[in-house]
Amino acid sequence: MNKQRGFSLLEILIAFSILALSLGILLKIFSSGINMAGVAEEYTSAVQIAETLMAQTGVETALQPGQSSGQLNDKYNWQVVVSPYQFTGMLETSDMNSQTAELFKVKVIVNWSDGNSGNEGRQLELTTLRLAARVL
């Protein structure tokens, strides 16, 4: 009775095929996760840039119609557009002086290239309204 125990060549090939498919799927999942983390980091940077520019508008620069643009970190291009918004109202102060309130629409656009040659890039847009008081 000379029976040999072990796996046949066919069983070993099937096991290696299953292992190769499983590893391929796992590597695909991990690589897409890493890519998404990179995209999320770029969006976070773009949001921080846009929020900073929006906070500066009306504080460091005058709140008047116009636009400005620039580039940051050789990657992010930004544009700030300030335009009048149709609203006029009367405000009463404690000493009964009348003021006309002007409302401005502030739009901040940040765009960047994500590095893929076939992709046009990504864009983020934030919009808010700012109130500016003017004494008559």
N, C-alpha and C. Protein backbone atom coordinates (compact mmCIF):
# COMPACT_ATOMS: atom_id res chain seq x y z
N MET A 1 0.82 -1.16 0.00
CA MET A 1 0.00 0.00 0.00
C MET A 1 0.88 1.24 0.00
N ASN A 2 1.11 1.72 -1.17
CA ASN A 2 1.99 2.85 -1.35
C ASN A 2 1.17 4.06 -1.80
N LYS A 3 0.28 4.55 -0.91
CA LYS A 3 -0.56 5.72 -1.24
C LYS A 3 0.18 6.97 -0.82
N GLN A 4 0.25 7.89 -1.72
CA GLN A 4 0.90 9.16 -1.41
C GLN A 4 -0.17 10.17 -1.01
N ARG A 5 0.17 10.96 0.01
CA ARG A 5 -0.76 11.99 0.45
C ARG A 5 -0.20 13.34 0.01
N GLY A 6 -1.10 14.28 -0.22
CA GLY A 6 -0.68 15.61 -0.64
C GLY A 6 -1.69 16.18 -1.61
N PHE A 7 -1.33 17.33 -2.13
CA PHE A 7 -2.21 18.03 -3.06
C PHE A 7 -1.79 17.74 -4.48
N SER A 8 -2.79 17.68 -5.34
CA SER A 8 -2.47 17.50 -6.76
C SER A 8 -2.08 18.85 -7.36
N LEU A 9 -1.48 18.81 -8.51
CA LEU A 9 -1.06 20.03 -9.19
C LEU A 9 -2.25 20.92 -9.50
N LEU A 10 -3.37 20.35 -9.86
CA LEU A 10 -4.57 21.12 -10.17
C LEU A 10 -5.08 21.86 -8.93
N GLU A 11 -5.07 21.21 -7.78
CA GLU A 11 -5.52 21.86 -6.54
C GLU A 11 -4.61 23.03 -6.17
N ILE A 12 -3.32 22.88 -6.37
CA ILE A 12 -2.37 23.95 -6.06
C ILE A 12 -2.58 25.13 -7.01
N LEU A 13 -2.81 24.86 -8.29
CA LEU A 13 -3.05 25.94 -9.25
C LEU A 13 -4.34 26.70 -8.94
N ILE A 14 -5.37 26.00 -8.54
CA ILE A 14 -6.64 26.66 -8.19
C ILE A 14 -6.44 27.53 -6.94
N ALA A 15 -5.73 27.02 -5.94
CA ALA A 15 -5.48 27.79 -4.72
C ALA A 15 -4.68 29.06 -5.03
N PHE A 16 -3.65 28.96 -5.86
CA PHE A 16 -2.87 30.14 -6.23
C PHE A 16 -3.69 31.14 -7.05
N SER A 17 -4.58 30.65 -7.90
CA SER A 17 -5.44 31.54 -8.67
C SER A 17 -6.38 32.32 -7.75
N ILE A 18 -6.96 31.65 -6.78
CA ILE A 18 -7.85 32.32 -5.82
C ILE A 18 -7.06 33.35 -5.00
N LEU A 19 -5.86 32.99 -4.59
CA LEU A 19 -5.02 33.90 -3.82
C LEU A 19 -4.64 35.14 -4.66
N ALA A 20 -4.30 34.94 -5.91
CA ALA A 20 -3.93 36.06 -6.78
C ALA A 20 -5.12 36.99 -7.01
N LEU A 21 -6.30 36.46 -7.23
CA LEU A 21 -7.50 37.29 -7.41
C LEU A 21 -7.81 38.08 -6.14
N SER A 22 -7.71 37.42 -5.00
CA SER A 22 -7.99 38.09 -3.72
C SER A 22 -7.00 39.23 -3.47
N LEU A 23 -5.73 38.99 -3.72
CA LEU A 23 -4.72 40.03 -3.52
C LEU A 23 -4.92 41.19 -4.50
N GLY A 24 -5.30 40.88 -5.72
CA GLY A 24 -5.56 41.93 -6.70
C GLY A 24 -6.72 42.83 -6.28
N ILE A 25 -7.77 42.22 -5.77
CA ILE A 25 -8.93 43.00 -5.31
C ILE A 25 -8.55 43.85 -4.10
N LEU A 26 -7.81 43.29 -3.16
CA LEU A 26 -7.38 44.06 -1.98
C LEU A 26 -6.49 45.23 -2.36
N LEU A 27 -5.55 45.02 -3.28
CA LEU A 27 -4.69 46.12 -3.70
C LEU A 27 -5.48 47.22 -4.39
N LYS A 28 -6.48 46.85 -5.17
CA LYS A 28 -7.33 47.84 -5.83
C LYS A 28 -8.09 48.66 -4.80
N ILE A 29 -8.62 48.02 -3.77
CA ILE A 29 -9.35 48.73 -2.72
C ILE A 29 -8.43 49.70 -1.99
N PHE A 30 -7.23 49.26 -1.63
CA PHE A 30 -6.29 50.12 -0.90
C PHE A 30 -5.82 51.29 -1.76
N SER A 31 -5.56 51.07 -3.03
CA SER A 31 -5.09 52.16 -3.89
C SER A 31 -6.18 53.20 -4.10
N SER A 32 -7.43 52.76 -4.26
CA SER A 32 -8.51 53.75 -4.42
C SER A 32 -8.73 54.51 -3.12
N GLY A 33 -8.52 53.88 -1.98
CA GLY A 33 -8.62 54.57 -0.70
C GLY A 33 -7.55 55.64 -0.54
N ILE A 34 -6.35 55.34 -0.98
CA ILE A 34 -5.25 56.31 -0.93
C ILE A 34 -5.53 57.48 -1.86
N ASN A 35 -6.04 57.19 -3.06
CA ASN A 35 -6.39 58.26 -4.00
C ASN A 35 -7.47 59.17 -3.43
N MET A 36 -8.48 58.59 -2.80
CA MET A 36 -9.55 59.39 -2.22
C MET A 36 -9.05 60.24 -1.06
N ALA A 37 -8.09 59.75 -0.31
CA ALA A 37 -7.51 60.54 0.78
C ALA A 37 -6.77 61.75 0.21
N GLY A 38 -6.09 61.58 -0.91
CA GLY A 38 -5.41 62.69 -1.56
C GLY A 38 -6.38 63.75 -2.06
N VAL A 39 -7.49 63.29 -2.66
CA VAL A 39 -8.51 64.22 -3.15
C VAL A 39 -9.14 64.97 -1.98
N ALA A 40 -9.40 64.27 -0.89
CA ALA A 40 -9.98 64.92 0.29
C ALA A 40 -9.03 65.97 0.86
N GLU A 41 -7.74 65.70 0.84
CA GLU A 41 -6.76 66.67 1.32
C GLU A 41 -6.74 67.92 0.44
N GLU A 42 -6.83 67.73 -0.88
CA GLU A 42 -6.87 68.87 -1.79
C GLU A 42 -8.12 69.71 -1.57
N TYR A 43 -9.28 69.07 -1.38
CA TYR A 43 -10.51 69.81 -1.11
C TYR A 43 -10.42 70.57 0.21
N THR A 44 -9.82 69.96 1.22
CA THR A 44 -9.65 70.63 2.51
C THR A 44 -8.80 71.88 2.36
N SER A 45 -7.71 71.79 1.61
CA SER A 45 -6.86 72.96 1.37
C SER A 45 -7.63 74.03 0.61
N ALA A 46 -8.40 73.64 -0.39
CA ALA A 46 -9.17 74.60 -1.19
C ALA A 46 -10.23 75.30 -0.33
N VAL A 47 -10.88 74.57 0.55
CA VAL A 47 -11.88 75.17 1.44
C VAL A 47 -11.22 76.17 2.39
N GLN A 48 -10.06 75.81 2.93
CA GLN A 48 -9.35 76.73 3.82
C GLN A 48 -8.94 78.00 3.09
N ILE A 49 -8.46 77.88 1.87
CA ILE A 49 -8.09 79.05 1.07
C ILE A 49 -9.32 79.92 0.81
N ALA A 50 -10.43 79.30 0.40
CA ALA A 50 -11.65 80.05 0.09
C ALA A 50 -12.19 80.74 1.34
N GLU A 51 -12.20 80.06 2.47
CA GLU A 51 -12.70 80.67 3.70
C GLU A 51 -11.82 81.83 4.15
N THR A 52 -10.51 81.70 3.98
CA THR A 52 -9.60 82.79 4.34
C THR A 52 -9.84 84.00 3.45
N LEU A 53 -9.96 83.78 2.14
CA LEU A 53 -10.22 84.89 1.23
C LEU A 53 -11.57 85.55 1.51
N MET A 54 -12.57 84.74 1.85
CA MET A 54 -13.88 85.28 2.15
C MET A 54 -13.85 86.11 3.43
N ALA A 55 -13.10 85.65 4.42
CA ALA A 55 -13.00 86.39 5.68
C ALA A 55 -12.25 87.70 5.49
N GLN A 56 -11.28 87.74 4.59
CA GLN A 56 -10.50 88.96 4.35
C GLN A 56 -11.31 90.01 3.59
N THR A 57 -12.28 89.57 2.80
CA THR A 57 -13.07 90.50 2.00
C THR A 57 -13.97 91.32 2.91
N GLY A 58 -13.81 92.62 2.84
CA GLY A 58 -14.57 93.51 3.69
C GLY A 58 -13.85 93.88 4.97
N VAL A 59 -12.78 93.16 5.30
CA VAL A 59 -11.99 93.46 6.50
C VAL A 59 -10.65 94.04 6.08
N GLU A 60 -9.87 93.26 5.35
CA GLU A 60 -8.57 93.73 4.88
C GLU A 60 -8.67 94.51 3.57
N THR A 61 -9.67 94.18 2.79
CA THR A 61 -9.92 94.91 1.54
C THR A 61 -11.30 95.52 1.62
N ALA A 62 -11.49 96.61 0.91
CA ALA A 62 -12.78 97.31 0.95
C ALA A 62 -13.87 96.46 0.32
N LEU A 63 -15.06 96.58 0.87
CA LEU A 63 -16.21 95.85 0.34
C LEU A 63 -16.85 96.70 -0.75
N GLN A 64 -16.34 96.58 -1.97
CA GLN A 64 -16.84 97.32 -3.12
C GLN A 64 -16.84 96.40 -4.33
N PRO A 65 -17.71 96.69 -5.29
CA PRO A 65 -17.79 95.82 -6.46
C PRO A 65 -16.45 95.71 -7.18
N GLY A 66 -16.17 94.53 -7.65
CA GLY A 66 -14.95 94.27 -8.39
C GLY A 66 -14.53 92.83 -8.25
N GLN A 67 -13.39 92.52 -8.79
CA GLN A 67 -12.88 91.16 -8.66
C GLN A 67 -11.37 91.18 -8.55
N SER A 68 -10.85 90.16 -7.92
CA SER A 68 -9.40 89.99 -7.80
C SER A 68 -9.10 88.51 -7.95
N SER A 69 -7.88 88.21 -8.31
CA SER A 69 -7.50 86.81 -8.50
C SER A 69 -6.02 86.65 -8.20
N GLY A 70 -5.62 85.42 -8.06
CA GLY A 70 -4.23 85.13 -7.79
C GLY A 70 -3.98 83.63 -7.77
N GLN A 71 -2.78 83.28 -7.36
CA GLN A 71 -2.39 81.87 -7.29
C GLN A 71 -1.70 81.63 -5.96
N LEU A 72 -1.91 80.45 -5.40
CA LEU A 72 -1.34 80.10 -4.12
C LEU A 72 -0.67 78.74 -4.22
N ASN A 73 0.52 78.63 -3.69
CA ASN A 73 1.27 77.36 -3.64
C ASN A 73 1.51 76.75 -5.02
N ASP A 74 1.53 77.55 -6.06
CA ASP A 74 1.74 77.07 -7.44
C ASP A 74 0.75 75.99 -7.86
N LYS A 75 -0.37 75.90 -7.16
CA LYS A 75 -1.34 74.85 -7.48
C LYS A 75 -2.76 75.39 -7.51
N TYR A 76 -3.10 76.23 -6.55
CA TYR A 76 -4.47 76.71 -6.39
C TYR A 76 -4.62 78.10 -7.00
N ASN A 77 -5.52 78.23 -7.97
CA ASN A 77 -5.87 79.52 -8.54
C ASN A 77 -7.16 79.98 -7.89
N TRP A 78 -7.21 81.24 -7.47
CA TRP A 78 -8.40 81.74 -6.80
C TRP A 78 -8.90 83.01 -7.46
N GLN A 79 -10.19 83.26 -7.26
CA GLN A 79 -10.82 84.46 -7.78
C GLN A 79 -11.90 84.89 -6.79
N VAL A 80 -11.89 86.17 -6.43
CA VAL A 80 -12.91 86.74 -5.55
C VAL A 80 -13.71 87.74 -6.36
N VAL A 81 -15.03 87.56 -6.40
CA VAL A 81 -15.91 88.46 -7.14
C VAL A 81 -16.89 89.08 -6.15
N VAL A 82 -16.88 90.42 -6.07
CA VAL A 82 -17.80 91.15 -5.20
C VAL A 82 -18.74 91.93 -6.10
N SER A 83 -20.04 91.70 -5.93
CA SER A 83 -21.03 92.40 -6.76
C SER A 83 -22.17 92.87 -5.86
N PRO A 84 -22.80 94.00 -6.24
CA PRO A 84 -23.91 94.49 -5.44
C PRO A 84 -25.09 93.52 -5.51
N TYR A 85 -25.79 93.43 -4.41
CA TYR A 85 -26.97 92.58 -4.34
C TYR A 85 -28.16 93.50 -4.17
N GLN A 86 -29.26 93.22 -4.82
CA GLN A 86 -30.41 94.12 -4.82
C GLN A 86 -31.13 94.09 -3.48
N PHE A 87 -30.73 95.02 -2.61
CA PHE A 87 -31.41 95.17 -1.33
C PHE A 87 -31.11 96.56 -0.78
N THR A 88 -32.12 97.30 -0.42
CA THR A 88 -31.95 98.59 0.24
C THR A 88 -32.95 98.65 1.37
N GLY A 89 -32.45 98.97 2.54
CA GLY A 89 -33.33 99.04 3.71
C GLY A 89 -32.91 100.17 4.62
N MET A 90 -33.81 100.57 5.49
CA MET A 90 -33.51 101.64 6.45
C MET A 90 -33.24 101.01 7.81
N LEU A 91 -32.16 101.43 8.44
CA LEU A 91 -31.80 100.97 9.76
C LEU A 91 -31.88 102.14 10.72
N GLU A 92 -32.42 101.94 11.89
CA GLU A 92 -32.49 102.98 12.91
C GLU A 92 -31.42 102.72 13.95
N THR A 93 -30.60 103.73 14.24
CA THR A 93 -29.60 103.62 15.29
C THR A 93 -30.13 104.25 16.55
N SER A 94 -29.36 104.20 17.62
CA SER A 94 -29.83 104.71 18.91
C SER A 94 -30.04 106.21 18.89
N ASP A 95 -29.28 106.97 18.07
CA ASP A 95 -29.48 108.43 18.01
C ASP A 95 -30.34 108.82 16.80
N MET A 96 -31.11 107.89 16.26
CA MET A 96 -32.09 108.13 15.21
C MET A 96 -31.50 108.62 13.89
N ASN A 97 -30.26 108.29 13.61
CA ASN A 97 -29.68 108.59 12.30
C ASN A 97 -30.10 107.50 11.33
N SER A 98 -30.46 107.89 10.11
CA SER A 98 -30.85 106.91 9.10
C SER A 98 -29.62 106.45 8.34
N GLN A 99 -29.58 105.18 8.06
CA GLN A 99 -28.50 104.60 7.28
C GLN A 99 -29.11 103.73 6.20
N THR A 100 -28.47 103.70 5.07
CA THR A 100 -28.87 102.79 4.00
C THR A 100 -27.90 101.62 4.01
N ALA A 101 -28.44 100.46 4.06
CA ALA A 101 -27.60 99.27 4.06
C ALA A 101 -27.42 98.78 2.63
N GLU A 102 -26.20 98.47 2.30
CA GLU A 102 -25.90 97.90 1.00
C GLU A 102 -25.50 96.45 1.20
N LEU A 103 -26.06 95.60 0.40
CA LEU A 103 -25.76 94.18 0.49
C LEU A 103 -24.91 93.78 -0.70
N PHE A 104 -23.81 93.08 -0.42
CA PHE A 104 -22.90 92.64 -1.47
C PHE A 104 -22.83 91.12 -1.49
N LYS A 105 -22.80 90.59 -2.68
CA LYS A 105 -22.62 89.15 -2.87
C LYS A 105 -21.13 88.91 -3.08
N VAL A 106 -20.54 88.07 -2.22
CA VAL A 106 -19.12 87.74 -2.31
C VAL A 106 -19.01 86.29 -2.75
N LYS A 107 -18.37 86.08 -3.90
CA LYS A 107 -18.20 84.73 -4.42
C LYS A 107 -16.71 84.45 -4.53
N VAL A 108 -16.27 83.35 -3.93
CA VAL A 108 -14.87 82.93 -3.98
C VAL A 108 -14.81 81.61 -4.76
N ILE A 109 -13.98 81.59 -5.79
CA ILE A 109 -13.79 80.39 -6.61
C ILE A 109 -12.34 79.96 -6.49
N VAL A 110 -12.13 78.71 -6.14
CA VAL A 110 -10.78 78.14 -6.08
C VAL A 110 -10.75 76.94 -7.01
N ASN A 111 -9.81 76.92 -7.94
CA ASN A 111 -9.68 75.74 -8.81
C ASN A 111 -8.24 75.28 -8.84
N TRP A 112 -8.07 74.00 -9.11
CA TRP A 112 -6.75 73.39 -9.13
C TRP A 112 -6.77 72.17 -10.02
N SER A 113 -5.59 71.79 -10.47
CA SER A 113 -5.45 70.59 -11.28
C SER A 113 -5.11 69.44 -10.36
N ASP A 114 -5.75 68.32 -10.57
CA ASP A 114 -5.49 67.17 -9.69
C ASP A 114 -4.36 66.28 -10.20
N GLY A 115 -3.69 66.69 -11.25
CA GLY A 115 -2.53 65.93 -11.73
C GLY A 115 -2.83 64.94 -12.83
N ASN A 116 -4.07 64.57 -13.02
CA ASN A 116 -4.42 63.64 -14.10
C ASN A 116 -4.49 64.40 -15.41
N SER A 117 -3.77 63.94 -16.41
CA SER A 117 -3.71 64.66 -17.69
C SER A 117 -5.06 64.66 -18.40
N GLY A 118 -5.88 63.66 -18.20
CA GLY A 118 -7.17 63.59 -18.86
C GLY A 118 -8.25 64.37 -18.15
N ASN A 119 -7.96 64.87 -16.97
CA ASN A 119 -8.95 65.57 -16.18
C ASN A 119 -8.74 67.07 -16.28
N GLU A 120 -9.81 67.84 -16.33
CA GLU A 120 -9.72 69.29 -16.43
C GLU A 120 -9.33 69.93 -15.10
N GLY A 121 -9.46 69.24 -14.01
CA GLY A 121 -9.18 69.80 -12.70
C GLY A 121 -10.44 69.87 -11.87
N ARG A 122 -10.28 70.43 -10.70
CA ARG A 122 -11.39 70.51 -9.77
C ARG A 122 -11.65 71.96 -9.41
N GLN A 123 -12.87 72.24 -8.96
CA GLN A 123 -13.24 73.61 -8.62
C GLN A 123 -14.13 73.61 -7.39
N LEU A 124 -13.94 74.63 -6.57
CA LEU A 124 -14.74 74.83 -5.37
C LEU A 124 -15.24 76.26 -5.38
N GLU A 125 -16.52 76.45 -5.06
CA GLU A 125 -17.09 77.79 -5.06
C GLU A 125 -17.85 78.02 -3.76
N LEU A 126 -17.55 79.12 -3.07
CA LEU A 126 -18.27 79.53 -1.87
C LEU A 126 -18.89 80.89 -2.14
N THR A 127 -20.13 81.09 -1.70
CA THR A 127 -20.82 82.34 -1.89
C THR A 127 -21.48 82.77 -0.59
N THR A 128 -21.42 84.07 -0.31
CA THR A 128 -22.06 84.59 0.89
C THR A 128 -22.53 86.02 0.60
N LEU A 129 -23.32 86.56 1.50
CA LEU A 129 -23.76 87.94 1.41
C LEU A 129 -23.13 88.71 2.55
N ARG A 130 -22.65 89.92 2.26
CA ARG A 130 -22.06 90.80 3.26
C ARG A 130 -22.82 92.12 3.28
N LEU A 131 -23.04 92.64 4.46
CA LEU A 131 -23.75 93.88 4.64
C LEU A 131 -22.77 95.01 4.91
N ALA A 132 -22.92 96.10 4.18
CA ALA A 132 -22.08 97.29 4.39
C ALA A 132 -23.02 98.46 4.65
N ALA A 133 -22.77 99.19 5.73
CA ALA A 133 -23.62 100.33 6.07
C ALA A 133 -23.00 101.60 5.54
N ARG A 134 -23.85 102.50 5.05
CA ARG A 134 -23.39 103.78 4.52
C ARG A 134 -24.29 104.88 5.09
N VAL A 135 -23.67 105.85 5.76
CA VAL A 135 -24.42 106.95 6.35
C VAL A 135 -24.79 107.93 5.25
N LEU A 136 -26.06 108.34 5.22
CA LEU A 136 -26.53 109.28 4.19
C LEU A 136 -26.08 110.68 4.49
